[in-house]
Amino acid sequence: MVKGKAKRIVWCSDGKRLRGKTFYEALDGPDRAKVKALFLRMANNGEISNTEHFKSEGEGIFCFKRYQIRFPCFFDGPDVVITQGFTKKSQKIPPDELVRAKRIRKQYLATKGTGGK
């Protein structure tokens, strides 16, 4: 988790594990540092205007981007909730990763709406 002046970056569970955190921790040192810099910029400024580093993927899903590394996320008030992480192999986000991000977001919001029960 990263907390800044404007936002808080948090990991979201898919019900079994924290896919984003697991992927982040498996990155080599230089890649992890570059991604952490993006997280810190979002946390402190509340936005990243460079679409090479942060972009809307539609339907409330956004993506932190660093070269081929992607971290889909969504906004929940002051929180930026990371759903998973992956390395993309083509120009667009893989459809299955986008479906997964939407499913995790839906589960998160449903759980939040029931007080976590």
PDB file of N, CA and C in Angstrom:
ATOM      1  N   MET A   1       0.839  -1.181   0.000  1.00  0.00           N
ATOM      2  CA  MET A   1       0.000   0.000   0.000  1.00  0.00           C
ATOM      3  C   MET A   1       0.886   1.247   0.000  1.00  0.00           C
ATOM      4  N   VAL A   2       0.452   2.245  -0.770  1.00  0.00           N
ATOM      5  CA  VAL A   2       1.142   3.530  -0.841  1.00  0.00           C
ATOM      6  C   VAL A   2       0.135   4.610  -0.490  1.00  0.00           C
ATOM      7  N   LYS A   3       0.484   5.467   0.464  1.00  0.00           N
ATOM      8  CA  LYS A   3      -0.413   6.548   0.849  1.00  0.00           C
ATOM      9  C   LYS A   3       0.280   7.871   0.569  1.00  0.00           C
ATOM     10  N   GLY A   4      -0.432   8.755  -0.108  1.00  0.00           N
ATOM     11  CA  GLY A   4       0.106  10.070  -0.427  1.00  0.00           C
ATOM     12  C   GLY A   4      -0.839  11.164   0.028  1.00  0.00           C
ATOM     13  N   LYS A   5      -0.576  12.376  -0.440  1.00  0.00           N
ATOM     14  CA  LYS A   5      -1.389  13.535  -0.073  1.00  0.00           C
ATOM     15  C   LYS A   5      -2.789  13.476  -0.680  1.00  0.00           C
ATOM     16  N   ALA A   6      -2.919  12.855  -1.857  1.00  0.00           N
ATOM     17  CA  ALA A   6      -4.185  12.885  -2.579  1.00  0.00           C
ATOM     18  C   ALA A   6      -4.917  11.546  -2.619  1.00  0.00           C
ATOM     19  N   LYS A   7      -4.188  10.468  -2.725  1.00  0.00           N
ATOM     20  CA  LYS A   7      -4.792   9.141  -2.914  1.00  0.00           C
ATOM     21  C   LYS A   7      -4.046   8.102  -2.088  1.00  0.00           C
ATOM     22  N   ARG A   8      -4.695   6.946  -2.011  1.00  0.00           N
ATOM     23  CA  ARG A   8      -4.083   5.775  -1.392  1.00  0.00           C
ATOM     24  C   ARG A   8      -4.143   4.655  -2.420  1.00  0.00           C
ATOM     25  N   ILE A   9      -3.018   4.003  -2.672  1.00  0.00           N
ATOM     26  CA  ILE A   9      -2.960   2.892  -3.614  1.00  0.00           C
ATOM     27  C   ILE A   9      -3.063   1.611  -2.792  1.00  0.00           C
ATOM     28  N   VAL A  10      -4.064   0.769  -3.094  1.00  0.00           N
ATOM     29  CA  VAL A  10      -4.294  -0.450  -2.323  1.00  0.00           C
ATOM     30  C   VAL A  10      -4.420  -1.658  -3.248  1.00  0.00           C
ATOM     31  N   TRP A  11      -4.114  -2.833  -2.714  1.00  0.00           N
ATOM     32  CA  TRP A  11      -4.243  -4.090  -3.448  1.00  0.00           C
ATOM     33  C   TRP A  11      -5.624  -4.664  -3.202  1.00  0.00           C
ATOM     34  N   CYS A  12      -6.183  -5.298  -4.203  1.00  0.00           N
ATOM     35  CA  CYS A  12      -7.508  -5.898  -4.093  1.00  0.00           C
ATOM     36  C   CYS A  12      -7.397  -7.412  -4.281  1.00  0.00           C
ATOM     37  N   SER A  13      -8.103  -8.151  -3.479  1.00  0.00           N
ATOM     38  CA  SER A  13      -8.129  -9.610  -3.589  1.00  0.00           C
ATOM     39  C   SER A  13      -9.157 -10.041  -4.625  1.00  0.00           C
ATOM     40  N   ASP A  14      -8.856 -11.122  -5.314  1.00  0.00           N
ATOM     41  CA  ASP A  14      -9.843 -11.699  -6.243  1.00  0.00           C
ATOM     42  C   ASP A  14     -10.669 -12.761  -5.532  1.00  0.00           C
ATOM     43  N   GLY A  15     -10.568 -12.791  -4.211  1.00  0.00           N
ATOM     44  CA  GLY A  15     -11.268 -13.789  -3.411  1.00  0.00           C
ATOM     45  C   GLY A  15     -10.336 -14.888  -2.938  1.00  0.00           C
ATOM     46  N   LYS A  16      -9.200 -15.026  -3.614  1.00  0.00           N
ATOM     47  CA  LYS A  16      -8.231 -16.066  -3.272  1.00  0.00           C
ATOM     48  C   LYS A  16      -6.865 -15.488  -2.923  1.00  0.00           C
ATOM     49  N   ARG A  17      -6.453 -14.465  -3.698  1.00  0.00           N
ATOM     50  CA  ARG A  17      -5.114 -13.905  -3.485  1.00  0.00           C
ATOM     51  C   ARG A  17      -5.057 -12.472  -3.990  1.00  0.00           C
ATOM     52  N   LEU A  18      -3.980 -11.807  -3.649  1.00  0.00           N
ATOM     53  CA  LEU A  18      -3.730 -10.444  -4.106  1.00  0.00           C
ATOM     54  C   LEU A  18      -2.868 -10.527  -5.363  1.00  0.00           C
ATOM     55  N   ARG A  19      -3.510 -10.704  -6.512  1.00  0.00           N
ATOM     56  CA  ARG A  19      -2.797 -10.907  -7.770  1.00  0.00           C
ATOM     57  C   ARG A  19      -1.843  -9.760  -8.095  1.00  0.00           C
ATOM     58  N   GLY A  20      -2.269  -8.523  -7.876  1.00  0.00           N
ATOM     59  CA  GLY A  20      -1.427  -7.373  -8.171  1.00  0.00           C
ATOM     60  C   GLY A  20      -0.180  -7.334  -7.303  1.00  0.00           C
ATOM     61  N   LYS A  21      -0.362  -7.558  -6.021  1.00  0.00           N
ATOM     62  CA  LYS A  21       0.771  -7.539  -5.087  1.00  0.00           C
ATOM     63  C   LYS A  21       1.748  -8.665  -5.412  1.00  0.00           C
ATOM     64  N   THR A  22       1.235  -9.849  -5.704  1.00  0.00           N
ATOM     65  CA  THR A  22       2.094 -10.990  -6.047  1.00  0.00           C
ATOM     66  C   THR A  22       2.917 -10.679  -7.292  1.00  0.00           C
ATOM     67  N   PHE A  23       2.280 -10.111  -8.319  1.00  0.00           N
ATOM     68  CA  PHE A  23       2.984  -9.759  -9.547  1.00  0.00           C
ATOM     69  C   PHE A  23       4.030  -8.676  -9.279  1.00  0.00           C
ATOM     70  N   TYR A  24       3.653  -7.651  -8.516  1.00  0.00           N
ATOM     71  CA  TYR A  24       4.554  -6.549  -8.169  1.00  0.00           C
ATOM     72  C   TYR A  24       5.801  -7.064  -7.443  1.00  0.00           C
ATOM     73  N   GLU A  25       5.597  -7.925  -6.460  1.00  0.00           N
ATOM     74  CA  GLU A  25       6.725  -8.445  -5.681  1.00  0.00           C
ATOM     75  C   GLU A  25       7.644  -9.343  -6.508  1.00  0.00           C
ATOM     76  N   ALA A  26       7.127  -9.923  -7.595  1.00  0.00           N
ATOM     77  CA  ALA A  26       7.937 -10.788  -8.462  1.00  0.00           C
ATOM     78  C   ALA A  26       8.746  -9.995  -9.497  1.00  0.00           C
ATOM     79  N   LEU A  27       8.451  -8.702  -9.652  1.00  0.00           N
ATOM     80  CA  LEU A  27       9.208  -7.879 -10.602  1.00  0.00           C
ATOM     81  C   LEU A  27      10.647  -7.726 -10.135  1.00  0.00           C
ATOM     82  N   ASP A  28      11.566  -7.563 -11.091  1.00  0.00           N
ATOM     83  CA  ASP A  28      12.950  -7.308 -10.684  1.00  0.00           C
ATOM     84  C   ASP A  28      13.041  -5.885 -10.121  1.00  0.00           C
ATOM     85  N   GLY A  29      14.124  -5.609  -9.418  1.00  0.00           N
ATOM     86  CA  GLY A  29      14.285  -4.339  -8.704  1.00  0.00           C
ATOM     87  C   GLY A  29      14.031  -3.091  -9.535  1.00  0.00           C
ATOM     88  N   PRO A  30      14.674  -2.960 -10.714  1.00  0.00           N
ATOM     89  CA  PRO A  30      14.462  -1.746 -11.509  1.00  0.00           C
ATOM     90  C   PRO A  30      13.010  -1.570 -11.975  1.00  0.00           C
ATOM     91  N   ASP A  31      12.361  -2.644 -12.398  1.00  0.00           N
ATOM     92  CA  ASP A  31      10.957  -2.544 -12.824  1.00  0.00           C
ATOM     93  C   ASP A  31      10.055  -2.200 -11.649  1.00  0.00           C
ATOM     94  N   ARG A  32      10.315  -2.815 -10.503  1.00  0.00           N
ATOM     95  CA  ARG A  32       9.515  -2.526  -9.310  1.00  0.00           C
ATOM     96  C   ARG A  32       9.661  -1.046  -8.925  1.00  0.00           C
ATOM     97  N   ALA A  33      10.867  -0.510  -9.025  1.00  0.00           N
ATOM     98  CA  ALA A  33      11.109   0.898  -8.688  1.00  0.00           C
ATOM     99  C   ALA A  33      10.362   1.828  -9.643  1.00  0.00           C
ATOM    100  N   LYS A  34      10.337   1.497 -10.935  1.00  0.00           N
ATOM    101  CA  LYS A  34       9.626   2.320 -11.915  1.00  0.00           C
ATOM    102  C   LYS A  34       8.118   2.315 -11.664  1.00  0.00           C
ATOM    103  N   VAL A  35       7.584   1.147 -11.337  1.00  0.00           N
ATOM    104  CA  VAL A  35       6.149   1.049 -11.055  1.00  0.00           C
ATOM    105  C   VAL A  35       5.825   1.781  -9.754  1.00  0.00           C
ATOM    106  N   LYS A  36       6.672   1.622  -8.754  1.00  0.00           N
ATOM    107  CA  LYS A  36       6.437   2.307  -7.480  1.00  0.00           C
ATOM    108  C   LYS A  36       6.435   3.821  -7.673  1.00  0.00           C
ATOM    109  N   ALA A  37       7.285   4.324  -8.561  1.00  0.00           N
ATOM    110  CA  ALA A  37       7.303   5.761  -8.850  1.00  0.00           C
ATOM    111  C   ALA A  37       5.949   6.212  -9.413  1.00  0.00           C
ATOM    112  N   LEU A  38       5.333   5.387 -10.262  1.00  0.00           N
ATOM    113  CA  LEU A  38       3.997   5.715 -10.772  1.00  0.00           C
ATOM    114  C   LEU A  38       2.973   5.736  -9.645  1.00  0.00           C
ATOM    115  N   PHE A  39       3.032   4.726  -8.774  1.00  0.00           N
ATOM    116  CA  PHE A  39       2.106   4.667  -7.643  1.00  0.00           C
ATOM    117  C   PHE A  39       2.255   5.915  -6.763  1.00  0.00           C
ATOM    118  N   LEU A  40       3.507   6.303  -6.503  1.00  0.00           N
ATOM    119  CA  LEU A  40       3.762   7.479  -5.668  1.00  0.00           C
ATOM    120  C   LEU A  40       3.257   8.755  -6.332  1.00  0.00           C
ATOM    121  N   ARG A  41       3.447   8.877  -7.650  1.00  0.00           N
ATOM    122  CA  ARG A  41       2.963  10.068  -8.358  1.00  0.00           C
ATOM    123  C   ARG A  41       1.446  10.171  -8.242  1.00  0.00           C
ATOM    124  N   MET A  42       0.749   9.049  -8.421  1.00  0.00           N
ATOM    125  CA  MET A  42      -0.710   9.058  -8.291  1.00  0.00           C
ATOM    126  C   MET A  42      -1.112   9.385  -6.851  1.00  0.00           C
ATOM    127  N   ALA A  43      -0.450   8.768  -5.888  1.00  0.00           N
ATOM    128  CA  ALA A  43      -0.793   8.978  -4.483  1.00  0.00           C
ATOM    129  C   ALA A  43      -0.593  10.436  -4.064  1.00  0.00           C
ATOM    130  N   ASN A  44       0.463  11.045  -4.535  1.00  0.00           N
ATOM    131  CA  ASN A  44       0.764  12.419  -4.127  1.00  0.00           C
ATOM    132  C   ASN A  44       0.020  13.476  -4.937  1.00  0.00           C
ATOM    133  N   ASN A  45      -0.196  13.232  -6.234  1.00  0.00           N
ATOM    134  CA  ASN A  45      -0.816  14.236  -7.097  1.00  0.00           C
ATOM    135  C   ASN A  45      -2.289  13.970  -7.378  1.00  0.00           C
ATOM    136  N   GLY A  46      -2.735  12.747  -7.178  1.00  0.00           N
ATOM    137  CA  GLY A  46      -4.131  12.407  -7.446  1.00  0.00           C
ATOM    138  C   GLY A  46      -4.424  12.141  -8.905  1.00  0.00           C
ATOM    139  N   GLU A  47      -3.401  12.223  -9.755  1.00  0.00           N
ATOM    140  CA  GLU A  47      -3.579  11.960 -11.177  1.00  0.00           C
ATOM    141  C   GLU A  47      -2.219  11.734 -11.838  1.00  0.00           C
ATOM    142  N   ILE A  48      -2.276  11.107 -12.999  1.00  0.00           N
ATOM    143  CA  ILE A  48      -1.123  10.987 -13.883  1.00  0.00           C
ATOM    144  C   ILE A  48      -1.651  11.374 -15.256  1.00  0.00           C
ATOM    145  N   SER A  49      -1.249  12.528 -15.742  1.00  0.00           N
ATOM    146  CA  SER A  49      -1.814  13.034 -16.995  1.00  0.00           C
ATOM    147  C   SER A  49      -1.183  12.403 -18.237  1.00  0.00           C
ATOM    148  N   ASN A  50      -0.033  11.789 -18.103  1.00  0.00           N
ATOM    149  CA  ASN A  50       0.639  11.157 -19.227  1.00  0.00           C
ATOM    150  C   ASN A  50      -0.017   9.815 -19.536  1.00  0.00           C
ATOM    151  N   THR A  51      -0.691   9.702 -20.688  1.00  0.00           N
ATOM    152  CA  THR A  51      -1.387   8.460 -21.034  1.00  0.00           C
ATOM    153  C   THR A  51      -0.427   7.324 -21.375  1.00  0.00           C
ATOM    154  N   GLU A  52       0.861   7.630 -21.482  1.00  0.00           N
ATOM    155  CA  GLU A  52       1.854   6.561 -21.649  1.00  0.00           C
ATOM    156  C   GLU A  52       2.058   5.814 -20.327  1.00  0.00           C
ATOM    157  N   HIS A  53       1.631   6.431 -19.218  1.00  0.00           N
ATOM    158  CA  HIS A  53       1.834   5.833 -17.898  1.00  0.00           C
ATOM    159  C   HIS A  53       0.545   5.473 -17.168  1.00  0.00           C
ATOM    160  N   PHE A  54      -0.579   6.079 -17.566  1.00  0.00           N
ATOM    161  CA  PHE A  54      -1.852   5.802 -16.909  1.00  0.00           C
ATOM    162  C   PHE A  54      -2.961   6.100 -17.898  1.00  0.00           C
ATOM    163  N   LYS A  55      -3.861   5.146 -18.095  1.00  0.00           N
ATOM    164  CA  LYS A  55      -4.863   5.296 -19.144  1.00  0.00           C
ATOM    165  C   LYS A  55      -6.171   4.611 -18.761  1.00  0.00           C
ATOM    166  N   SER A  56      -7.274   5.203 -19.192  1.00  0.00           N
ATOM    167  CA  SER A  56      -8.583   4.568 -19.021  1.00  0.00           C
ATOM    168  C   SER A  56      -8.722   3.433 -20.024  1.00  0.00           C
ATOM    169  N   GLU A  57      -9.205   2.293 -19.540  1.00  0.00           N
ATOM    170  CA  GLU A  57      -9.484   1.145 -20.416  1.00  0.00           C
ATOM    171  C   GLU A  57     -10.987   0.995 -20.638  1.00  0.00           C
ATOM    172  N   GLY A  58     -11.771   1.917 -20.088  1.00  0.00           N
ATOM    173  CA  GLY A  58     -13.222   1.896 -20.240  1.00  0.00           C
ATOM    174  C   GLY A  58     -13.927   1.201 -19.093  1.00  0.00           C
ATOM    175  N   GLU A  59     -15.188   1.527 -18.923  1.00  0.00           N
ATOM    176  CA  GLU A  59     -16.055   0.925 -17.907  1.00  0.00           C
ATOM    177  C   GLU A  59     -15.476   1.001 -16.498  1.00  0.00           C
ATOM    178  N   GLY A  60     -14.829   2.125 -16.184  1.00  0.00           N
ATOM    179  CA  GLY A  60     -14.314   2.343 -14.838  1.00  0.00           C
ATOM    180  C   GLY A  60     -12.975   1.689 -14.535  1.00  0.00           C
ATOM    181  N   ILE A  61     -12.374   1.043 -15.523  1.00  0.00           N
ATOM    182  CA  ILE A  61     -11.071   0.395 -15.333  1.00  0.00           C
ATOM    183  C   ILE A  61      -9.984   1.277 -15.944  1.00  0.00           C
ATOM    184  N   PHE A  62      -8.914   1.472 -15.183  1.00  0.00           N
ATOM    185  CA  PHE A  62      -7.756   2.236 -15.626  1.00  0.00           C
ATOM    186  C   PHE A  62      -6.545   1.320 -15.540  1.00  0.00           C
ATOM    187  N   CYS A  63      -5.418   1.772 -16.094  1.00  0.00           N
ATOM    188  CA  CYS A  63      -4.223   0.933 -16.065  1.00  0.00           C
ATOM    189  C   CYS A  63      -2.979   1.773 -15.823  1.00  0.00           C
ATOM    190  N   PHE A  64      -2.213   1.401 -14.778  1.00  0.00           N
ATOM    191  CA  PHE A  64      -0.863   1.910 -14.635  1.00  0.00           C
ATOM    192  C   PHE A  64      -0.035   1.191 -15.687  1.00  0.00           C
ATOM    193  N   LYS A  65       0.810   1.935 -16.415  1.00  0.00           N
ATOM    194  CA  LYS A  65       1.566   1.347 -17.518  1.00  0.00           C
ATOM    195  C   LYS A  65       3.034   1.738 -17.409  1.00  0.00           C
ATOM    196  N   ARG A  66       3.876   0.749 -17.510  1.00  0.00           N
ATOM    197  CA  ARG A  66       5.320   0.997 -17.562  1.00  0.00           C
ATOM    198  C   ARG A  66       5.900  -0.012 -18.530  1.00  0.00           C
ATOM    199  N   TYR A  67       6.226   0.453 -19.726  1.00  0.00           N
ATOM    200  CA  TYR A  67       6.664  -0.417 -20.812  1.00  0.00           C
ATOM    201  C   TYR A  67       5.621  -1.513 -21.016  1.00  0.00           C
ATOM    202  N   GLN A  68       5.965  -2.777 -20.877  1.00  0.00           N
ATOM    203  CA  GLN A  68       4.990  -3.859 -21.090  1.00  0.00           C
ATOM    204  C   GLN A  68       4.240  -4.244 -19.805  1.00  0.00           C
ATOM    205  N   ILE A  69       4.602  -3.653 -18.693  1.00  0.00           N
ATOM    206  CA  ILE A  69       3.997  -3.994 -17.396  1.00  0.00           C
ATOM    207  C   ILE A  69       2.698  -3.208 -17.214  1.00  0.00           C
ATOM    208  N   ARG A  70       1.656  -3.908 -16.785  1.00  0.00           N
ATOM    209  CA  ARG A  70       0.344  -3.291 -16.585  1.00  0.00           C
ATOM    210  C   ARG A  70      -0.226  -3.663 -15.219  1.00  0.00           C
ATOM    211  N   PHE A  71      -0.865  -2.668 -14.584  1.00  0.00           N
ATOM    212  CA  PHE A  71      -1.588  -2.873 -13.342  1.00  0.00           C
ATOM    213  C   PHE A  71      -2.973  -2.248 -13.487  1.00  0.00           C
ATOM    214  N   PRO A  72      -3.986  -3.055 -13.861  1.00  0.00           N
ATOM    215  CA  PRO A  72      -5.355  -2.529 -13.933  1.00  0.00           C
ATOM    216  C   PRO A  72      -5.831  -2.108 -12.536  1.00  0.00           C
ATOM    217  N   CYS A  73      -6.668  -1.079 -12.516  1.00  0.00           N
ATOM    218  CA  CYS A  73      -7.150  -0.560 -11.238  1.00  0.00           C
ATOM    219  C   CYS A  73      -8.465   0.170 -11.454  1.00  0.00           C
ATOM    220  N   PHE A  74      -9.058   0.621 -10.349  1.00  0.00           N
ATOM    221  CA  PHE A  74     -10.250   1.456 -10.403  1.00  0.00           C
ATOM    222  C   PHE A  74     -10.224   2.385  -9.200  1.00  0.00           C
ATOM    223  N   PHE A  75     -11.027   3.427  -9.266  1.00  0.00           N
ATOM    224  CA  PHE A  75     -11.095   4.407  -8.187  1.00  0.00           C
ATOM    225  C   PHE A  75     -12.249   4.085  -7.253  1.00  0.00           C
ATOM    226  N   ASP A  76     -12.000   4.226  -5.965  1.00  0.00           N
ATOM    227  CA  ASP A  76     -13.030   4.084  -4.942  1.00  0.00           C
ATOM    228  C   ASP A  76     -12.801   5.191  -3.926  1.00  0.00           C
ATOM    229  N   GLY A  77     -13.412   6.345  -4.167  1.00  0.00           N
ATOM    230  CA  GLY A  77     -13.173   7.509  -3.315  1.00  0.00           C
ATOM    231  C   GLY A  77     -11.710   7.889  -3.362  1.00  0.00           C
ATOM    232  N   PRO A  78     -11.055   7.979  -2.191  1.00  0.00           N
ATOM    233  CA  PRO A  78      -9.637   8.351  -2.184  1.00  0.00           C
ATOM    234  C   PRO A  78      -8.700   7.185  -2.523  1.00  0.00           C
ATOM    235  N   ASP A  79      -9.259   6.014  -2.719  1.00  0.00           N
ATOM    236  CA  ASP A  79      -8.428   4.836  -3.002  1.00  0.00           C
ATOM    237  C   ASP A  79      -8.339   4.550  -4.494  1.00  0.00           C
ATOM    238  N   VAL A  80      -7.152   4.124  -4.905  1.00  0.00           N
ATOM    239  CA  VAL A  80      -6.946   3.555  -6.231  1.00  0.00           C
ATOM    240  C   VAL A  80      -6.698   2.075  -5.958  1.00  0.00           C
ATOM    241  N   VAL A  81      -7.628   1.239  -6.386  1.00  0.00           N
ATOM    242  CA  VAL A  81      -7.629  -0.180  -6.039  1.00  0.00           C
ATOM    243  C   VAL A  81      -7.055  -0.987  -7.203  1.00  0.00           C
ATOM    244  N   ILE A  82      -5.916  -1.644  -6.967  1.00  0.00           N
ATOM    245  CA  ILE A  82      -5.255  -2.429  -8.010  1.00  0.00           C
ATOM    246  C   ILE A  82      -5.811  -3.846  -7.998  1.00  0.00           C
ATOM    247  N   THR A  83      -6.279  -4.296  -9.165  1.00  0.00           N
ATOM    248  CA  THR A  83      -6.919  -5.600  -9.269  1.00  0.00           C
ATOM    249  C   THR A  83      -5.939  -6.727  -9.561  1.00  0.00           C
ATOM    250  N   GLN A  84      -4.953  -6.477 -10.407  1.00  0.00           N
ATOM    251  CA  GLN A  84      -3.974  -7.501 -10.772  1.00  0.00           C
ATOM    252  C   GLN A  84      -2.823  -6.837 -11.514  1.00  0.00           C
ATOM    253  N   GLY A  85      -1.842  -7.627 -11.858  1.00  0.00           N
ATOM    254  CA  GLY A  85      -0.718  -7.146 -12.657  1.00  0.00           C
ATOM    255  C   GLY A  85      -0.370  -8.191 -13.696  1.00  0.00           C
ATOM    256  N   PHE A  86       0.168  -7.742 -14.817  1.00  0.00           N
ATOM    257  CA  PHE A  86       0.569  -8.673 -15.871  1.00  0.00           C
ATOM    258  C   PHE A  86       1.499  -7.971 -16.837  1.00  0.00           C
ATOM    259  N   THR A  87       2.146  -8.757 -17.673  1.00  0.00           N
ATOM    260  CA  THR A  87       2.971  -8.240 -18.756  1.00  0.00           C
ATOM    261  C   THR A  87       2.193  -8.434 -20.043  1.00  0.00           C
ATOM    262  N   LYS A  88       1.963  -7.351 -20.765  1.00  0.00           N
ATOM    263  CA  LYS A  88       1.196  -7.463 -22.005  1.00  0.00           C
ATOM    264  C   LYS A  88       2.130  -7.850 -23.151  1.00  0.00           C
ATOM    265  N   LYS A  89       1.570  -8.558 -24.114  1.00  0.00           N
ATOM    266  CA  LYS A  89       2.367  -9.058 -25.225  1.00  0.00           C
ATOM    267  C   LYS A  89       1.943  -8.466 -26.562  1.00  0.00           C
ATOM    268  N   SER A  90       0.872  -7.639 -26.567  1.00  0.00           N
ATOM    269  CA  SER A  90       0.400  -7.034 -27.804  1.00  0.00           C
ATOM    270  C   SER A  90       0.099  -5.564 -27.547  1.00  0.00           C
ATOM    271  N   GLN A  91      -0.448  -4.889 -28.541  1.00  0.00           N
ATOM    272  CA  GLN A  91      -0.729  -3.461 -28.438  1.00  0.00           C
ATOM    273  C   GLN A  91      -1.831  -3.139 -27.431  1.00  0.00           C
ATOM    274  N   LYS A  92      -2.832  -3.999 -27.326  1.00  0.00           N
ATOM    275  CA  LYS A  92      -3.971  -3.731 -26.447  1.00  0.00           C
ATOM    276  C   LYS A  92      -3.932  -4.643 -25.229  1.00  0.00           C
ATOM    277  N   ILE A  93      -4.655  -4.213 -24.194  1.00  0.00           N
ATOM    278  CA  ILE A  93      -4.793  -5.039 -22.998  1.00  0.00           C
ATOM    279  C   ILE A  93      -5.510  -6.335 -23.403  1.00  0.00           C
ATOM    280  N   PRO A  94      -4.998  -7.491 -22.990  1.00  0.00           N
ATOM    281  CA  PRO A  94      -5.672  -8.746 -23.351  1.00  0.00           C
ATOM    282  C   PRO A  94      -7.115  -8.764 -22.822  1.00  0.00           C
ATOM    283  N   PRO A  95      -8.055  -9.198 -23.651  1.00  0.00           N
ATOM    284  CA  PRO A  95      -9.469  -9.198 -23.229  1.00  0.00           C
ATOM    285  C   PRO A  95      -9.714  -9.956 -21.928  1.00  0.00           C
ATOM    286  N   ASP A  96      -9.024 -11.084 -21.715  1.00  0.00           N
ATOM    287  CA  ASP A  96      -9.251 -11.845 -20.485  1.00  0.00           C
ATOM    288  C   ASP A  96      -8.783 -11.074 -19.248  1.00  0.00           C
ATOM    289  N   GLU A  97      -7.729 -10.262 -19.390  1.00  0.00           N
ATOM    290  CA  GLU A  97      -7.260  -9.450 -18.258  1.00  0.00           C
ATOM    291  C   GLU A  97      -8.253  -8.332 -17.957  1.00  0.00           C
ATOM    292  N   LEU A  98      -8.850  -7.764 -18.986  1.00  0.00           N
ATOM    293  CA  LEU A  98      -9.853  -6.725 -18.790  1.00  0.00           C
ATOM    294  C   LEU A  98     -11.111  -7.305 -18.132  1.00  0.00           C
ATOM    295  N   VAL A  99     -11.520  -8.493 -18.572  1.00  0.00           N
ATOM    296  CA  VAL A  99     -12.666  -9.176 -17.960  1.00  0.00           C
ATOM    297  C   VAL A  99     -12.372  -9.468 -16.491  1.00  0.00           C
ATOM    298  N   ARG A 100     -11.158  -9.931 -16.195  1.00  0.00           N
ATOM    299  CA  ARG A 100     -10.776 -10.219 -14.806  1.00  0.00           C
ATOM    300  C   ARG A 100     -10.834  -8.952 -13.958  1.00  0.00           C
ATOM    301  N   ALA A 101     -10.305  -7.850 -14.460  1.00  0.00           N
ATOM    302  CA  ALA A 101     -10.319  -6.590 -13.717  1.00  0.00           C
ATOM    303  C   ALA A 101     -11.752  -6.152 -13.417  1.00  0.00           C
ATOM    304  N   LYS A 102     -12.639  -6.264 -14.383  1.00  0.00           N
ATOM    305  CA  LYS A 102     -14.041  -5.892 -14.182  1.00  0.00           C
ATOM    306  C   LYS A 102     -14.713  -6.796 -13.158  1.00  0.00           C
ATOM    307  N   ARG A 103     -14.400  -8.091 -13.213  1.00  0.00           N
ATOM    308  CA  ARG A 103     -14.989  -9.044 -12.267  1.00  0.00           C
ATOM    309  C   ARG A 103     -14.515  -8.740 -10.841  1.00  0.00           C
ATOM    310  N   ILE A 104     -13.228  -8.484 -10.685  1.00  0.00           N
ATOM    311  CA  ILE A 104     -12.680  -8.184  -9.356  1.00  0.00           C
ATOM    312  C   ILE A 104     -13.294  -6.888  -8.825  1.00  0.00           C
ATOM    313  N   ARG A 105     -13.438  -5.887  -9.690  1.00  0.00           N
ATOM    314  CA  ARG A 105     -14.051  -4.612  -9.283  1.00  0.00           C
ATOM    315  C   ARG A 105     -15.486  -4.844  -8.818  1.00  0.00           C
ATOM    316  N   LYS A 106     -16.230  -5.612  -9.587  1.00  0.00           N
ATOM    317  CA  LYS A 106     -17.629  -5.903  -9.234  1.00  0.00           C
ATOM    318  C   LYS A 106     -17.711  -6.614  -7.882  1.00  0.00           C
ATOM    319  N   GLN A 107     -16.845  -7.605  -7.660  1.00  0.00           N
ATOM    320  CA  GLN A 107     -16.821  -8.324  -6.378  1.00  0.00           C
ATOM    321  C   GLN A 107     -16.472  -7.382  -5.233  1.00  0.00           C
ATOM    322  N   TYR A 108     -15.474  -6.532  -5.447  1.00  0.00           N
ATOM    323  CA  TYR A 108     -15.035  -5.585  -4.425  1.00  0.00           C
ATOM    324  C   TYR A 108     -16.188  -4.663  -4.024  1.00  0.00           C
ATOM    325  N   LEU A 109     -16.836  -4.081  -5.022  1.00  0.00           N
ATOM    326  CA  LEU A 109     -17.928  -3.152  -4.743  1.00  0.00           C
ATOM    327  C   LEU A 109     -19.118  -3.849  -4.103  1.00  0.00           C
ATOM    328  N   ALA A 110     -19.405  -5.072  -4.484  1.00  0.00           N
ATOM    329  CA  ALA A 110     -20.498  -5.842  -3.882  1.00  0.00           C
ATOM    330  C   ALA A 110     -20.182  -6.141  -2.417  1.00  0.00           C
ATOM    331  N   THR A 111     -18.947  -6.539  -2.158  1.00  0.00           N
ATOM    332  CA  THR A 111     -18.527  -6.825  -0.785  1.00  0.00           C
ATOM    333  C   THR A 111     -18.554  -5.567   0.069  1.00  0.00           C
ATOM    334  N   LYS A 112     -18.083  -4.481  -0.493  1.00  0.00           N
ATOM    335  CA  LYS A 112     -18.080  -3.204   0.216  1.00  0.00           C
ATOM    336  C   LYS A 112     -19.501  -2.780   0.551  1.00  0.00           C
ATOM    337  N   GLY A 113     -20.427  -2.999  -0.381  1.00  0.00           N
ATOM    338  CA  GLY A 113     -21.823  -2.632  -0.174  1.00  0.00           C
ATOM    339  C   GLY A 113     -22.501  -3.434   0.917  1.00  0.00           C
ATOM    340  N   THR A 114     -21.966  -4.614   1.240  1.00  0.00           N
ATOM    341  CA  THR A 114     -22.544  -5.450   2.304  1.00  0.00           C
ATOM    342  C   THR A 114     -21.713  -5.360   3.579  1.00  0.00           C
ATOM    343  N   GLY A 115     -20.837  -4.354   3.629  1.00  0.00           N
ATOM    344  CA  GLY A 115     -20.021  -4.178   4.834  1.00  0.00           C
ATOM    345  C   GLY A 115     -18.946  -5.226   4.966  1.00  0.00           C
ATOM    346  N   GLY A 116     -18.538  -5.855   3.865  1.00  0.00           N
ATOM    347  CA  GLY A 116     -17.471  -6.834   3.913  1.00  0.00           C
ATOM    348  C   GLY A 116     -17.921  -8.220   4.303  1.00  0.00           C
ATOM    349  N   LYS A 117     -19.233  -8.416   4.444  1.00  0.00           N
ATOM    350  CA  LYS A 117     -19.742  -9.729   4.869  1.00  0.00           C
ATOM    351  C   LYS A 117     -19.927 -10.647   3.690  1.00  0.00           C
TER     352      LYS A 117
END
